[in-house]
Amino acid sequence: MDDRLRVVLVGPLPPPMGGIARGVEMLRRAPQVRAEVDLRIVDTGLRWRSIHQTSTAARLLDGVRQLLRSAAVLTWRCLRGAPDVVHLRSSGGLGAVRDLVLVLIARTFRVPVIYQLHFGRVPDIAARRTGEWRVMRAALARAAVVVAIDRHTERAIVEALPHVRTVRLPNGFDPAVLPPAPAPTGPGR
């Protein structure tokens, strides 16, 4: 029997190679993760348009398409064998609607959700009580754990939703992908 932790990771895979996509790819390739975790990915990356095509109509249409695809894949993953946890990585914006739907699907199957916010606009949108905040707040309230990118985001979430378990974890990176440091130059070298 496979007793590895069963995780459904929701986030984009590259290309393009943005911050969240890079993190998802690093987790997918990490030897320790592959050894200890049965990792299934719900890819939320856009594959049917350029990331530079940013008209409101195109973004809305693609967002609905992405929402339906992600919801269907997550539902299928939960039906095939309930995961131990769903880890949802988010950049907010219109994606907050997708996030809420996916959190509700996971909760329907009684699967706890880790909701990781990869952006620092939360204090501003919470203070202004935007539509994005109202939708995101509904998802945050249903998450088992919320991961905040910085102390300001963590504080805004704790103040608005004190019952929600919130932890702070800055965006990580793989030092192996960094270019080598330049050789020291100047006097004495």
Protein backbone atom coordinates (compact mmCIF):
# COMPACT_ATOMS: atom_id res chain seq x y z
CA MET A 1 0.00 0.00 0.00
CA ASP A 2 1.25 3.47 -0.91
CA ASP A 3 1.26 5.55 2.28
CA ARG A 4 2.65 8.71 0.71
CA LEU A 5 0.82 11.95 1.37
CA ARG A 6 -1.72 12.50 -1.43
CA VAL A 7 -1.61 16.16 -2.52
CA VAL A 8 -3.45 17.93 -5.30
CA LEU A 9 -1.46 21.06 -6.12
CA VAL A 10 -3.47 23.74 -7.94
CA GLY A 11 -1.36 26.23 -9.86
CA PRO A 12 0.13 26.97 -13.26
CA LEU A 13 2.85 24.93 -14.91
CA PRO A 14 5.25 26.68 -17.27
CA PRO A 15 5.34 28.12 -19.83
CA PRO A 16 5.29 30.98 -19.18
CA MET A 17 7.78 30.86 -16.33
CA GLY A 18 6.23 33.23 -13.78
CA GLY A 19 6.83 33.05 -10.05
CA ILE A 20 4.00 30.68 -9.17
CA ALA A 21 4.69 28.47 -12.20
CA ARG A 22 8.36 28.27 -11.23
CA GLY A 23 7.38 27.17 -7.72
CA VAL A 24 4.96 24.52 -8.99
CA GLU A 25 7.63 23.19 -11.35
CA MET A 26 10.25 23.10 -8.55
CA LEU A 27 7.88 21.09 -6.34
CA ARG A 28 7.04 18.73 -9.18
CA ARG A 29 10.72 18.00 -9.80
CA ALA A 30 11.96 17.90 -6.19
CA PRO A 31 13.29 14.40 -5.39
CA GLN A 32 12.07 14.53 -1.78
CA VAL A 33 8.58 15.53 -2.88
CA ARG A 34 8.50 12.75 -5.47
CA ALA A 35 9.63 10.20 -2.86
CA GLU A 36 7.24 11.24 -0.07
CA VAL A 37 4.25 12.75 -1.84
CA ASP A 38 1.80 11.44 -4.40
CA LEU A 39 1.58 14.82 -6.13
CA ARG A 40 -1.18 15.48 -8.65
CA ILE A 41 -1.31 18.87 -10.36
CA VAL A 42 -4.29 20.85 -11.55
CA ASP A 43 -2.60 23.10 -14.10
CA THR A 44 -4.20 26.55 -14.12
CA GLY A 45 -1.80 27.94 -16.73
CA LEU A 46 -3.28 29.59 -19.79
CA ARG A 47 -2.57 27.52 -22.88
CA TRP A 48 -4.98 29.00 -25.39
CA ARG A 49 -3.90 32.65 -25.57
CA SER A 50 -0.85 34.82 -25.16
CA ILE A 51 -0.30 36.28 -21.69
CA HIS A 52 0.04 39.64 -23.45
CA GLN A 53 -3.52 39.43 -24.82
CA THR A 54 -5.09 41.35 -21.96
CA SER A 55 -8.41 42.71 -23.21
CA THR A 56 -11.11 42.43 -20.57
CA ALA A 57 -13.27 40.24 -22.81
CA ALA A 58 -10.39 37.82 -23.53
CA ARG A 59 -9.43 37.64 -19.85
CA LEU A 60 -13.01 37.03 -18.78
CA LEU A 61 -13.65 34.36 -21.41
CA ASP A 62 -10.35 32.62 -20.66
CA GLY A 63 -11.01 32.87 -16.93
CA VAL A 64 -14.35 31.11 -17.30
CA ARG A 65 -12.74 28.45 -19.49
CA GLN A 66 -9.92 27.98 -16.99
CA LEU A 67 -12.40 27.83 -14.09
CA LEU A 68 -14.48 25.13 -15.75
CA ARG A 69 -11.41 23.07 -16.67
CA SER A 70 -9.85 23.38 -13.20
CA ALA A 71 -13.15 22.57 -11.47
CA ALA A 72 -13.62 19.47 -13.63
CA VAL A 73 -10.05 18.23 -13.05
CA LEU A 74 -10.20 18.81 -9.27
CA THR A 75 -13.59 17.09 -9.04
CA TRP A 76 -12.22 14.13 -11.01
CA ARG A 77 -9.15 13.92 -8.75
CA CYS A 78 -11.37 13.93 -5.65
CA LEU A 79 -13.69 11.28 -7.10
CA ARG A 80 -10.83 8.96 -8.09
CA GLY A 81 -9.34 8.85 -4.62
CA ALA A 82 -9.74 11.61 -2.11
CA PRO A 83 -6.49 13.50 -1.65
CA ASP A 84 -5.21 14.23 1.85
CA VAL A 85 -4.96 17.92 1.03
CA VAL A 86 -5.49 20.42 -1.77
CA HIS A 87 -2.78 23.08 -2.00
CA LEU A 88 -4.11 26.07 -3.93
CA ARG A 89 -1.59 28.70 -5.07
CA SER A 90 -3.09 32.03 -6.04
CA SER A 91 -2.19 35.40 -7.51
CA GLY A 92 -5.63 36.85 -6.75
CA GLY A 93 -7.41 39.15 -9.16
CA LEU A 94 -10.13 37.48 -11.18
CA GLY A 95 -8.56 34.17 -10.13
CA ALA A 96 -10.17 34.67 -6.71
CA VAL A 97 -13.45 33.45 -8.21
CA ARG A 98 -11.73 30.26 -9.42
CA ASP A 99 -10.11 29.91 -6.00
CA LEU A 100 -13.44 30.07 -4.20
CA VAL A 101 -15.03 27.50 -6.51
CA LEU A 102 -12.08 25.12 -6.06
CA VAL A 103 -12.10 25.55 -2.27
CA LEU A 104 -15.82 24.76 -2.25
CA ILE A 105 -15.26 21.64 -4.38
CA ALA A 106 -12.52 20.40 -2.04
CA ARG A 107 -14.70 21.09 1.00
CA THR A 108 -17.58 19.16 -0.61
CA PHE A 109 -15.27 16.13 -0.62
CA ARG A 110 -14.11 16.96 2.95
CA VAL A 111 -10.57 17.63 1.76
CA PRO A 112 -8.68 20.34 3.68
CA VAL A 113 -7.27 23.23 1.66
CA ILE A 114 -4.01 25.10 2.00
CA TYR A 115 -4.65 28.47 0.36
CA GLN A 116 -1.34 30.14 -0.50
CA LEU A 117 -1.42 33.79 -1.54
CA HIS A 118 1.51 34.82 -3.73
CA PHE A 119 0.85 38.54 -3.75
CA GLY A 120 1.02 41.42 -1.32
CA ARG A 121 -2.09 43.45 -2.28
CA VAL A 122 -4.23 41.87 0.42
CA PRO A 123 -3.94 44.73 2.98
CA ASP A 124 -5.04 47.25 0.34
CA ILE A 125 -7.96 45.25 -1.06
CA ALA A 126 -9.08 44.30 2.47
CA ALA A 127 -9.05 47.94 3.59
CA ARG A 128 -11.01 49.02 0.51
CA ARG A 129 -13.38 46.02 0.78
CA THR A 130 -13.20 45.38 -2.95
CA GLY A 131 -15.17 42.70 -4.76
CA GLU A 132 -11.93 40.74 -5.06
CA TRP A 133 -11.57 40.86 -1.26
CA ARG A 134 -15.16 39.71 -0.65
CA VAL A 135 -14.70 36.68 -2.90
CA MET A 136 -11.24 35.93 -1.51
CA ARG A 137 -12.48 36.33 2.07
CA ALA A 138 -15.09 33.61 1.43
CA ALA A 139 -12.31 31.28 0.21
CA LEU A 140 -9.99 32.23 3.10
CA ALA A 141 -12.72 31.49 5.65
CA ARG A 142 -13.05 27.93 4.32
CA ALA A 143 -9.35 27.08 4.11
CA ALA A 144 -7.71 24.85 6.70
CA VAL A 145 -4.56 26.99 6.50
CA VAL A 146 -3.80 30.26 4.74
CA VAL A 147 -0.21 30.98 3.71
CA ALA A 148 0.60 34.69 3.52
CA ILE A 149 3.57 36.06 1.59
CA ASP A 150 4.51 38.77 4.11
CA ARG A 151 3.68 40.10 7.57
CA HIS A 152 1.33 42.80 6.21
CA THR A 153 -0.75 40.21 4.37
CA GLU A 154 -0.71 37.93 7.41
CA ARG A 155 -1.87 40.77 9.67
CA ALA A 156 -4.69 41.80 7.30
CA ILE A 157 -6.01 38.23 7.18
CA VAL A 158 -5.75 37.71 10.96
CA GLU A 159 -7.56 41.00 11.63
CA ALA A 160 -10.37 40.20 9.20
CA LEU A 161 -10.64 36.47 9.96
CA PRO A 162 -9.15 35.77 13.41
CA HIS A 163 -10.45 32.17 13.40
CA VAL A 164 -8.47 31.27 10.25
CA ARG A 165 -5.14 29.55 10.81
CA THR A 166 -2.62 31.79 9.04
CA VAL A 167 1.12 31.31 8.59
CA ARG A 168 3.70 33.46 6.86
CA LEU A 169 6.00 31.99 4.23
CA PRO A 170 7.79 34.29 1.79
CA ASN A 171 8.00 33.12 -1.80
CA GLY A 172 10.73 30.52 -2.05
CA PHE A 173 13.25 30.00 -4.76
CA ASP A 174 15.66 27.34 -5.89
CA PRO A 175 19.22 28.69 -5.54
CA ALA A 176 20.35 26.19 -8.18
CA VAL A 177 18.57 28.26 -10.86
CA LEU A 178 20.43 31.46 -9.97
CA PRO A 179 23.37 32.50 -12.14
CA PRO A 180 26.79 32.18 -10.52
CA ALA A 181 27.97 35.20 -8.58
CA PRO A 182 30.46 37.36 -10.49
CA ALA A 183 34.08 37.09 -9.47
CA PRO A 184 35.17 39.89 -7.11
CA THR A 185 36.94 42.77 -8.84
CA GLY A 186 38.62 45.95 -7.75
CA PRO A 187 41.56 46.79 -5.51
CA GLY A 188 43.13 43.85 -3.76
CA ARG A 189 41.79 41.34 -6.29
